[in-house]
Amino acid sequence: MCVGLPARVMKIQNGMALVDASGAKREVSAALIDELDPGDYVMVHAGMAIAKITDNDADETDDILEELE
C-alpha cells in the first residue's frame, strides 16, 4: 500500500513545485502533472506530485490521517 500526502502548491519553477503539506514545506517534482498553478492541491508520494486534487479532497485526507494516529 502506498500513502500519498495532500499538499498545497506554493510555487512552480523548472519542473519542480514548492509545496506545503500541513506546514512542512518541501520541493517535489511536478513532471507528472500538466497545468499546475500555485494554490492548487496535489497528492504527493515519494517526492513527486502524482495527482491534482481539490481542497475538499485534501481536507478529507488530513482528517483520515489524523484518525489513524
Protein backbone atom coordinates (compact mmCIF):
# COMPACT_ATOMS: atom_id res chain seq x y z
CA MET A 1 0.00 0.00 0.00
CA CYS A 2 1.27 3.47 -0.89
CA VAL A 3 0.37 6.53 1.11
CA GLY A 4 0.23 9.93 -0.52
CA LEU A 5 0.00 13.17 1.40
CA PRO A 6 -2.04 16.17 0.29
CA ALA A 7 -0.15 19.42 -0.21
CA ARG A 8 -0.83 22.93 -1.48
CA VAL A 9 1.38 24.23 -4.29
CA MET A 10 3.17 27.41 -3.27
CA LYS A 11 5.49 27.97 -6.26
CA ILE A 12 6.46 26.24 -9.50
CA GLN A 13 9.83 26.58 -11.21
CA ASN A 14 11.77 24.40 -13.68
CA GLY A 15 9.50 21.36 -13.32
CA MET A 16 9.62 21.46 -9.52
CA ALA A 17 6.90 22.57 -7.13
CA LEU A 18 7.38 24.01 -3.66
CA VAL A 19 4.50 22.53 -1.65
CA ASP A 20 3.13 22.97 1.86
CA ALA A 21 1.99 19.71 3.46
CA SER A 22 0.44 20.57 6.83
CA GLY A 23 3.07 23.22 7.48
CA ALA A 24 6.04 21.23 6.16
CA LYS A 25 7.41 22.88 3.04
CA ARG A 26 9.34 20.77 0.54
CA GLU A 27 10.22 20.69 -3.11
CA VAL A 28 8.74 17.90 -5.23
CA SER A 29 8.77 17.00 -8.91
CA ALA A 30 5.79 18.32 -10.88
CA ALA A 31 6.69 16.39 -14.05
CA LEU A 32 3.64 14.10 -13.96
CA ILE A 33 1.06 16.90 -13.91
CA ASP A 34 0.34 19.23 -16.84
CA GLU A 35 -1.22 22.61 -15.93
CA LEU A 36 -0.31 23.10 -12.29
CA ASP A 37 -0.61 26.52 -10.67
CA PRO A 38 0.20 28.00 -7.26
CA GLY A 39 -2.78 27.44 -4.98
CA ASP A 40 -3.62 24.04 -6.50
CA TYR A 41 -3.68 20.97 -4.28
CA VAL A 42 -1.77 17.80 -5.17
CA MET A 43 -1.23 14.33 -3.76
CA VAL A 44 2.49 13.80 -3.06
CA HIS A 45 4.23 10.43 -2.95
CA ALA A 46 7.96 9.64 -2.98
CA GLY A 47 8.97 13.21 -3.82
CA MET A 48 6.55 13.56 -6.73
CA ALA A 49 3.23 15.31 -7.19
CA ILE A 50 1.24 12.35 -8.55
CA ALA A 51 -2.27 13.81 -8.90
CA LYS A 52 -4.10 17.10 -8.76
CA ILE A 53 -6.85 17.08 -6.10
CA THR A 54 -9.44 19.51 -4.74
CA ASP A 55 -9.09 21.34 -1.44
CA ASN A 56 -12.00 19.21 -0.14
CA ASP A 57 -10.04 16.05 -1.02
CA ALA A 58 -7.06 17.44 0.88
CA ASP A 59 -9.19 18.19 3.96
CA GLU A 60 -10.75 14.73 3.88
CA THR A 61 -7.35 13.03 3.61
CA ASP A 62 -5.99 15.10 6.52
CA ASP A 63 -8.99 14.09 8.65
CA ILE A 64 -8.48 10.39 7.86
CA LEU A 65 -4.76 10.55 8.67
CA GLU A 66 -5.50 12.26 12.00
CA GLU A 67 -7.91 9.45 12.91
CA LEU A 68 -5.19 6.88 12.27
CA GLU A 69 -2.76 8.49 14.74
